[in-house]
Amino acid sequence: MPERLVVRRHAFRNALVPVVTVLGLQFAILFAGAVLTEKTFSIEGIGWLLLVSITSKDMTMIQGVVVVYAVIIVGISLVIDILGALIDPRIRL
């Protein structure tokens, strides 16, 4: 059996699971950094909305934005888990 085939079938798939997990979690952390990025570059987005809500003490809007962030992060985590299970069938959901 050629070495390239062994690496592709066995080593690559096993090594890909942690890489997908780390990249996915970094992508989720990217959303948390949106507040700083939007404030720095004066971009009006969800991070800007959160900052305006905090300064105006609008608790309902703060809760809504935090829930949206939480849903995004949970969704990304779900996609990461599904991808991990597809890559390595030994992983059960």
C-alpha atoms as a PDB file:
ATOM      1  CA  MET A   1       0.000   0.000   0.000  1.00  0.00           C
ATOM      2  CA  PRO A   2       1.503   3.406  -0.915  1.00  0.00           C
ATOM      3  CA  GLU A   3       2.458   5.677   1.957  1.00  0.00           C
ATOM      4  CA  ARG A   4       0.348   8.548   0.601  1.00  0.00           C
ATOM      5  CA  LEU A   5      -2.762   6.380   0.716  1.00  0.00           C
ATOM      6  CA  VAL A   6      -2.058   5.274   4.282  1.00  0.00           C
ATOM      7  CA  VAL A   7      -1.525   8.862   5.398  1.00  0.00           C
ATOM      8  CA  ARG A   8      -4.653  10.082   3.636  1.00  0.00           C
ATOM      9  CA  ARG A   9      -6.950   7.336   4.900  1.00  0.00           C
ATOM     10  CA  HIS A  10      -5.698   6.886   8.439  1.00  0.00           C
ATOM     11  CA  ALA A  11      -3.482   9.666   9.737  1.00  0.00           C
ATOM     12  CA  PHE A  12      -5.188  12.629   8.071  1.00  0.00           C
ATOM     13  CA  ARG A  13      -8.675  11.766   9.285  1.00  0.00           C
ATOM     14  CA  ASN A  14      -7.484  11.252  12.852  1.00  0.00           C
ATOM     15  CA  ALA A  15      -5.485  14.466  12.816  1.00  0.00           C
ATOM     16  CA  LEU A  16      -8.333  16.488  11.308  1.00  0.00           C
ATOM     17  CA  VAL A  17     -10.751  16.178  14.258  1.00  0.00           C
ATOM     18  CA  PRO A  18      -8.778  18.387  16.709  1.00  0.00           C
ATOM     19  CA  VAL A  19      -8.008  20.880  13.943  1.00  0.00           C
ATOM     20  CA  VAL A  20     -11.703  21.275  13.088  1.00  0.00           C
ATOM     21  CA  THR A  21     -12.541  21.648  16.780  1.00  0.00           C
ATOM     22  CA  VAL A  22      -9.962  24.359  17.410  1.00  0.00           C
ATOM     23  CA  LEU A  23     -10.780  26.286  14.220  1.00  0.00           C
ATOM     24  CA  GLY A  24     -14.489  26.159  14.974  1.00  0.00           C
ATOM     25  CA  LEU A  25     -14.036  27.427  18.509  1.00  0.00           C
ATOM     26  CA  GLN A  26     -11.755  30.203  17.254  1.00  0.00           C
ATOM     27  CA  PHE A  27     -14.492  31.153  14.801  1.00  0.00           C
ATOM     28  CA  ALA A  28     -16.949  31.342  17.708  1.00  0.00           C
ATOM     29  CA  ILE A  29     -14.533  33.541  19.668  1.00  0.00           C
ATOM     30  CA  LEU A  30     -14.355  35.809  16.628  1.00  0.00           C
ATOM     31  CA  PHE A  31     -17.966  36.809  17.285  1.00  0.00           C
ATOM     32  CA  ALA A  32     -17.111  37.758  20.857  1.00  0.00           C
ATOM     33  CA  GLY A  33     -14.373  40.063  19.533  1.00  0.00           C
ATOM     34  CA  ALA A  34     -16.844  41.815  17.250  1.00  0.00           C
ATOM     35  CA  VAL A  35     -17.625  44.389  19.932  1.00  0.00           C
ATOM     36  CA  LEU A  36     -14.040  45.642  20.036  1.00  0.00           C
ATOM     37  CA  THR A  37     -13.628  45.536  16.255  1.00  0.00           C
ATOM     38  CA  GLU A  38     -16.859  47.418  15.589  1.00  0.00           C
ATOM     39  CA  LYS A  39     -16.001  50.064  18.172  1.00  0.00           C
ATOM     40  CA  THR A  40     -12.461  50.499  16.806  1.00  0.00           C
ATOM     41  CA  PHE A  41     -13.492  50.852  13.153  1.00  0.00           C
ATOM     42  CA  SER A  42     -16.854  52.624  13.781  1.00  0.00           C
ATOM     43  CA  ILE A  43     -18.883  49.863  12.167  1.00  0.00           C
ATOM     44  CA  GLU A  44     -22.506  49.613  13.217  1.00  0.00           C
ATOM     45  CA  GLY A  45     -23.315  45.977  13.905  1.00  0.00           C
ATOM     46  CA  ILE A  46     -24.461  43.727  16.709  1.00  0.00           C
ATOM     47  CA  GLY A  47     -21.408  44.611  18.821  1.00  0.00           C
ATOM     48  CA  TRP A  48     -22.131  48.304  18.382  1.00  0.00           C
ATOM     49  CA  LEU A  49     -25.760  47.651  19.339  1.00  0.00           C
ATOM     50  CA  LEU A  50     -24.574  45.933  22.512  1.00  0.00           C
ATOM     51  CA  LEU A  51     -22.341  48.873  23.442  1.00  0.00           C
ATOM     52  CA  VAL A  52     -25.107  51.408  22.822  1.00  0.00           C
ATOM     53  CA  SER A  53     -27.501  49.296  24.887  1.00  0.00           C
ATOM     54  CA  ILE A  54     -25.026  49.093  27.750  1.00  0.00           C
ATOM     55  CA  THR A  55     -24.418  52.848  27.789  1.00  0.00           C
ATOM     56  CA  SER A  56     -28.156  53.582  27.698  1.00  0.00           C
ATOM     57  CA  LYS A  57     -28.880  50.835  30.294  1.00  0.00           C
ATOM     58  CA  ASP A  58     -31.436  49.128  28.059  1.00  0.00           C
ATOM     59  CA  MET A  59     -31.563  45.759  29.824  1.00  0.00           C
ATOM     60  CA  THR A  60     -34.024  44.173  27.400  1.00  0.00           C
ATOM     61  CA  MET A  61     -31.778  44.864  24.416  1.00  0.00           C
ATOM     62  CA  ILE A  62     -28.676  43.699  26.321  1.00  0.00           C
ATOM     63  CA  GLN A  63     -30.395  40.409  27.128  1.00  0.00           C
ATOM     64  CA  GLY A  64     -31.513  40.012  23.520  1.00  0.00           C
ATOM     65  CA  VAL A  65     -28.030  40.590  22.102  1.00  0.00           C
ATOM     66  CA  VAL A  66     -26.468  38.214  24.632  1.00  0.00           C
ATOM     67  CA  VAL A  67     -29.041  35.550  23.689  1.00  0.00           C
ATOM     68  CA  VAL A  68     -28.246  36.058  19.985  1.00  0.00           C
ATOM     69  CA  TYR A  69     -24.523  35.669  20.726  1.00  0.00           C
ATOM     70  CA  ALA A  70     -25.239  32.531  22.757  1.00  0.00           C
ATOM     71  CA  VAL A  71     -27.348  31.026  19.958  1.00  0.00           C
ATOM     72  CA  ILE A  72     -24.585  31.721  17.434  1.00  0.00           C
ATOM     73  CA  ILE A  73     -21.938  30.094  19.632  1.00  0.00           C
ATOM     74  CA  VAL A  74     -24.141  27.075  20.414  1.00  0.00           C
ATOM     75  CA  GLY A  75     -24.913  26.707  16.692  1.00  0.00           C
ATOM     76  CA  ILE A  76     -21.231  26.802  15.810  1.00  0.00           C
ATOM     77  CA  SER A  77     -20.492  24.223  18.514  1.00  0.00           C
ATOM     78  CA  LEU A  78     -23.225  21.961  17.132  1.00  0.00           C
ATOM     79  CA  VAL A  79     -21.780  22.218  13.623  1.00  0.00           C
ATOM     80  CA  ILE A  80     -18.309  21.419  15.004  1.00  0.00           C
ATOM     81  CA  ASP A  81     -19.630  18.304  16.757  1.00  0.00           C
ATOM     82  CA  ILE A  82     -21.463  17.119  13.635  1.00  0.00           C
ATOM     83  CA  LEU A  83     -18.373  17.672  11.479  1.00  0.00           C
ATOM     84  CA  GLY A  84     -16.258  15.780  13.990  1.00  0.00           C
ATOM     85  CA  ALA A  85     -18.677  12.852  13.863  1.00  0.00           C
ATOM     86  CA  LEU A  86     -18.644  12.888  10.063  1.00  0.00           C
ATOM     87  CA  ILE A  87     -14.861  12.936   9.924  1.00  0.00           C
ATOM     88  CA  ASP A  88     -14.356  10.204  12.508  1.00  0.00           C
ATOM     89  CA  PRO A  89     -17.230   7.717  12.823  1.00  0.00           C
ATOM     90  CA  ARG A  90     -15.939   6.521  16.217  1.00  0.00           C
ATOM     91  CA  ILE A  91     -17.224   9.786  17.698  1.00  0.00           C
ATOM     92  CA  ARG A  92     -20.824   9.448  18.789  1.00  0.00           C
ATOM     93  CA  LEU A  93     -23.092  12.407  19.323  1.00  0.00           C
END
